[in-house]
Protein backbone atom coordinates (compact mmCIF):
# COMPACT_ATOMS: atom_id res chain seq x y z
CA UNK A 1 85.88 113.12 63.58
CA UNK A 2 88.94 110.72 64.77
CA UNK A 3 88.58 109.20 67.80
CA UNK A 4 91.24 109.30 70.53
CA UNK A 5 94.22 107.67 70.58
CA UNK A 6 95.29 105.92 73.52
CA UNK A 7 98.94 104.03 74.71
CA UNK A 8 98.36 101.19 77.63
CA UNK A 9 101.85 100.01 78.93
CA UNK A 10 101.13 97.78 81.77
CA UNK A 11 103.43 94.11 81.97
CA UNK A 12 99.89 91.86 82.63
CA UNK A 13 97.90 91.23 80.11
CA UNK A 14 94.76 90.87 82.10
CA UNK A 15 94.77 94.34 82.71
CA UNK A 16 95.93 95.68 79.59
CA UNK A 17 92.62 94.10 78.00
CA UNK A 18 90.58 95.60 81.40
CA UNK A 19 91.56 98.63 80.06
CA UNK A 20 91.09 98.32 76.27
CA UNK A 21 87.78 96.35 76.71
CA UNK A 22 86.28 99.77 78.39
CA UNK A 23 88.03 102.81 76.50
CA UNK A 24 87.35 100.95 73.00
CA UNK A 25 83.63 100.81 74.95
CA UNK A 26 84.07 104.81 75.26
CA UNK A 27 84.98 105.82 71.72
CA UNK A 28 88.59 105.13 71.57
CA UNK A 29 91.04 103.63 69.86
CA UNK A 30 94.00 101.49 71.95
CA UNK A 31 97.35 100.53 71.09
CA UNK A 32 98.97 97.83 73.54
CA UNK A 33 102.56 98.28 74.77
CA UNK A 34 103.96 95.04 77.41
CA UNK A 35 107.29 96.57 78.74
CA UNK A 36 109.19 100.37 78.45
CA UNK A 37 110.98 99.69 75.62
CA UNK A 38 108.36 98.84 73.67
CA UNK A 39 106.71 102.00 75.08
CA UNK A 40 109.04 104.42 74.17
CA UNK A 41 109.53 103.67 70.90
CA UNK A 42 105.65 103.30 69.96
CA UNK A 43 105.20 106.74 71.89
CA UNK A 44 107.79 108.53 69.67
CA UNK A 45 107.34 106.75 66.51
CA UNK A 46 103.18 107.76 66.72
CA UNK A 47 100.72 110.42 67.82
CA UNK A 48 98.47 109.64 70.63
CA UNK A 49 96.02 111.57 72.66
CA UNK A 50 97.18 110.15 75.79
CA UNK A 51 99.03 107.35 77.53
CA UNK A 52 97.82 105.60 80.38
CA UNK A 53 101.49 103.99 82.22
CA UNK A 54 101.93 101.39 84.75
CA UNK A 55 104.10 102.80 87.16
CA UNK A 56 105.92 98.87 87.92
CA UNK A 57 107.39 97.22 84.51
CA UNK A 58 110.27 95.03 83.98
CA UNK A 59 113.24 96.83 82.70
CA UNK A 60 112.81 100.40 82.26
CA UNK A 61 110.07 100.99 84.38
CA UNK A 62 107.66 103.52 84.37
CA UNK A 63 109.30 106.98 85.54
CA UNK A 64 112.07 105.83 82.99
CA UNK A 65 109.67 105.46 80.33
CA UNK A 66 107.68 108.76 81.40
CA UNK A 67 111.16 110.90 81.75
CA UNK A 68 112.65 109.42 77.98
CA UNK A 69 108.73 110.63 76.91
CA UNK A 70 108.70 113.33 77.99
CA UNK A 71 112.14 114.84 76.64
CA UNK A 72 110.59 115.01 73.25
CA UNK A 73 106.59 114.88 74.18
CA UNK A 74 103.73 117.11 76.17
CA UNK A 75 101.12 113.91 75.47
CA UNK A 76 98.91 113.54 78.86
CA UNK A 77 100.36 110.50 80.80
CA UNK A 78 98.36 108.81 83.29
CA UNK A 79 100.15 106.70 85.96
CA UNK A 80 98.55 103.54 87.43
CA UNK A 81 100.32 102.78 91.05
CA UNK A 82 100.38 100.29 93.10
CA UNK A 83 98.69 101.58 97.15
CA UNK A 84 102.00 101.70 99.14
CA UNK A 85 104.02 103.44 96.39
CA UNK A 86 103.67 107.46 97.57
CA UNK A 87 107.50 108.40 96.50
CA UNK A 88 107.34 106.61 93.16
CA UNK A 89 104.75 108.55 92.39
CA UNK A 90 105.05 111.37 93.65
CA UNK A 91 108.54 111.11 91.35
CA UNK A 92 106.46 110.30 88.65
CA UNK A 93 104.63 113.87 89.23
CA UNK A 94 108.53 114.62 88.97
CA UNK A 95 109.08 113.68 85.73
CA UNK A 96 105.93 114.75 83.97
CA UNK A 97 103.03 112.10 84.58
CA UNK A 98 99.81 114.51 85.24
CA UNK A 99 97.26 112.23 87.00
CA UNK A 100 97.70 108.69 88.63
CA UNK A 101 95.26 106.15 89.07
CA UNK A 102 95.80 103.52 92.25
CA UNK A 103 95.54 99.60 91.69
CA UNK A 104 93.33 97.84 91.88
CA UNK A 105 91.26 100.96 90.41
CA UNK A 106 87.49 101.07 88.83
CA UNK A 107 87.97 101.22 84.93
CA UNK A 108 85.03 103.76 85.32
CA UNK A 109 87.62 106.16 87.16
CA UNK A 110 89.87 105.51 84.98
CA UNK A 111 87.97 106.88 82.03
CA UNK A 112 86.79 109.47 83.81
CA UNK A 113 90.12 111.04 84.28
CA UNK A 114 91.66 110.37 80.84
CA UNK A 115 88.53 111.92 79.55
CA UNK A 116 88.42 114.80 82.01
CA UNK A 117 92.43 115.06 81.83
CA UNK A 118 91.45 114.96 77.25
CA UNK A 119 88.69 117.67 78.07
CA UNK A 120 91.67 120.08 79.42
CA UNK A 121 94.62 119.38 76.76
CA UNK A 122 91.38 120.22 74.28
CA UNK A 123 91.53 117.20 72.91
CA UNK A 124 88.92 116.39 69.56
CA UNK A 125 85.24 115.69 71.16
CA UNK A 126 86.48 116.22 74.45
CA UNK A 127 87.76 119.93 73.57
CA UNK A 128 87.31 123.13 75.73
CA UNK A 129 85.43 125.97 73.62
CA UNK A 130 84.99 128.72 76.59
CA UNK A 131 87.89 129.95 76.86
CA UNK A 132 90.00 131.60 73.57
CA UNK A 133 91.43 134.37 75.40
CA UNK A 134 95.08 135.51 75.39
CA UNK A 135 97.08 136.50 79.58
CA UNK A 136 99.00 139.03 79.83
CA UNK A 137 101.18 140.31 82.67
CA UNK A 138 105.07 141.51 82.76
CA UNK A 139 107.44 139.10 80.77
CA UNK A 140 104.59 136.12 80.72
CA UNK A 141 101.47 135.66 78.26
CA UNK A 142 99.31 132.49 77.79
CA UNK A 143 97.84 131.94 74.82
CA UNK A 144 94.86 129.41 76.45
CA UNK A 145 93.65 128.39 72.90
CA UNK A 146 96.76 127.54 71.86
CA UNK A 147 98.00 125.48 74.99
CA UNK A 148 101.16 128.26 74.72
CA UNK A 149 102.80 129.98 76.63
CA UNK A 150 105.94 132.62 76.90
CA UNK A 151 108.44 134.28 79.68
CA UNK A 152 110.57 136.63 78.55
CA UNK A 153 109.30 136.30 74.91
CA UNK A 154 110.85 132.52 74.81
CA UNK A 155 108.36 129.66 74.89
CA UNK A 156 108.05 127.26 77.58
CA UNK A 157 107.03 123.86 77.47
CA UNK A 158 104.25 123.07 79.99
CA UNK A 159 103.01 119.06 80.95
CA UNK A 160 98.97 118.84 80.48
CA UNK A 161 98.37 119.46 84.38
CA UNK A 162 100.81 122.38 84.24
CA UNK A 163 99.14 124.46 81.88
CA UNK A 164 96.22 124.21 83.89
CA UNK A 165 97.05 124.86 86.73
CA UNK A 166 98.99 127.66 85.51
CA UNK A 167 96.02 129.23 83.87
CA UNK A 168 93.69 128.35 86.77
CA UNK A 169 95.12 130.04 89.40
CA UNK A 170 96.46 133.25 86.23
CA UNK A 171 92.61 133.65 85.45
CA UNK A 172 91.90 134.71 89.29
CA UNK A 173 95.27 136.60 90.26
CA UNK A 174 95.89 137.28 94.56
CA UNK A 175 93.15 134.74 94.75
CA UNK A 176 94.48 132.08 97.30
CA UNK A 177 93.58 128.78 96.22
CA UNK A 178 93.66 125.83 98.85
CA UNK A 179 95.46 122.49 97.93
CA UNK A 180 92.08 121.11 98.21
CA UNK A 181 90.11 123.53 95.57
CA UNK A 182 92.85 122.83 93.55
CA UNK A 183 93.27 118.85 92.99
CA UNK A 184 89.28 119.35 92.85
CA UNK A 185 88.77 121.71 90.35
CA UNK A 186 92.51 120.77 88.42
CA UNK A 187 92.30 117.43 88.69
CA UNK A 188 88.49 117.10 88.76
CA UNK A 189 89.44 115.25 92.61
CA UNK A 190 86.55 115.62 94.99
CA UNK A 191 87.06 113.46 97.84
CA UNK A 192 90.36 111.68 96.86
CA UNK A 193 93.62 113.06 96.17
CA UNK A 194 97.25 113.31 97.37
CA UNK A 195 97.59 116.93 98.49
CA UNK A 196 101.28 116.64 97.12
CA UNK A 197 100.60 116.53 94.13
CA UNK A 198 99.99 119.94 94.31
CA UNK A 199 102.91 120.70 95.48
CA UNK A 200 104.76 118.47 93.24
CA UNK A 201 103.72 120.54 89.82
CA UNK A 202 104.22 123.79 91.56
CA UNK A 203 107.55 123.14 92.13
CA UNK A 204 107.93 121.80 88.70
CA UNK A 205 105.96 124.96 87.31
CA UNK A 206 108.67 127.52 89.39
CA UNK A 207 111.34 125.83 88.11
CA UNK A 208 110.25 125.98 84.26
CA UNK A 209 109.23 129.62 84.78
CA UNK A 210 112.37 130.66 86.89
CA UNK A 211 114.52 128.92 83.81
CA UNK A 212 113.35 132.01 81.56
CA UNK A 213 113.05 134.42 84.24
CA UNK A 214 113.10 134.62 87.84
CA UNK A 215 110.97 137.23 88.56
CA UNK A 216 107.60 135.49 86.09
CA UNK A 217 108.65 132.33 89.06
CA UNK A 218 107.70 134.54 91.60
CA UNK A 219 104.55 134.85 90.13
CA UNK A 220 103.42 131.79 92.15
CA UNK A 221 103.32 132.30 95.93
CA UNK A 222 102.86 130.23 98.58
CA UNK A 223 100.22 131.60 101.03
CA UNK A 224 101.92 129.12 104.67
CA UNK A 225 99.43 127.18 106.22
CA UNK A 226 96.65 127.35 103.01
CA UNK A 227 98.22 127.28 99.32
CA UNK A 228 98.76 128.94 96.59
CA UNK A 229 98.12 132.09 94.83
CA UNK A 230 99.24 134.04 91.41
CA UNK A 231 99.95 137.26 92.14
CA UNK A 232 101.79 139.59 89.87
CA UNK A 233 105.26 140.74 90.93
CA UNK A 234 106.21 144.72 90.59
């Protein structure tokens, strides 16, 4: 079985080497890029299982890189951000990043996040085999094994985390989930994590569903003071 390929983008050689060392020890094949322009060129020219992307890059920064990649690819993206970069981090999620790790970070934590994300996206040895069903609702079809979503017979493109979030709630209609539950079960954050991450992904998910059907976008319901639920609107 081929090794998952990871693109590591950071302008600091020390960080690239550190991340590469830990990734290769964990069985990944690693390609490096030191600036945003190079990252976009490589990411769109070669297939990758996941991209580790620094937010603060010279010239074309991580947000621009993420935006350009998302125009052509749904490859999972883990963003590296400074601890005080909350607004930039939220903006990164709005542009399509799937997860983030705050600098200075533990390489072991980064590897854990990468493996968890690849497992959820069905990548190679980390693939999930327990979900093979199709979920059907009025105007909405979710093929879990194919990671495919159709709204009003029109396929829509979701990032890995947007898809995971939709599936997680749609498998349990009418159940109210707190932000803490969603962070724990969808993002695998147990004792840490920014709850605005959930809000940002819910917003993007509604927008994408709404581009095909206003009715289906209303299936994602906000329960004020608690969290969110999936509820089929009649």
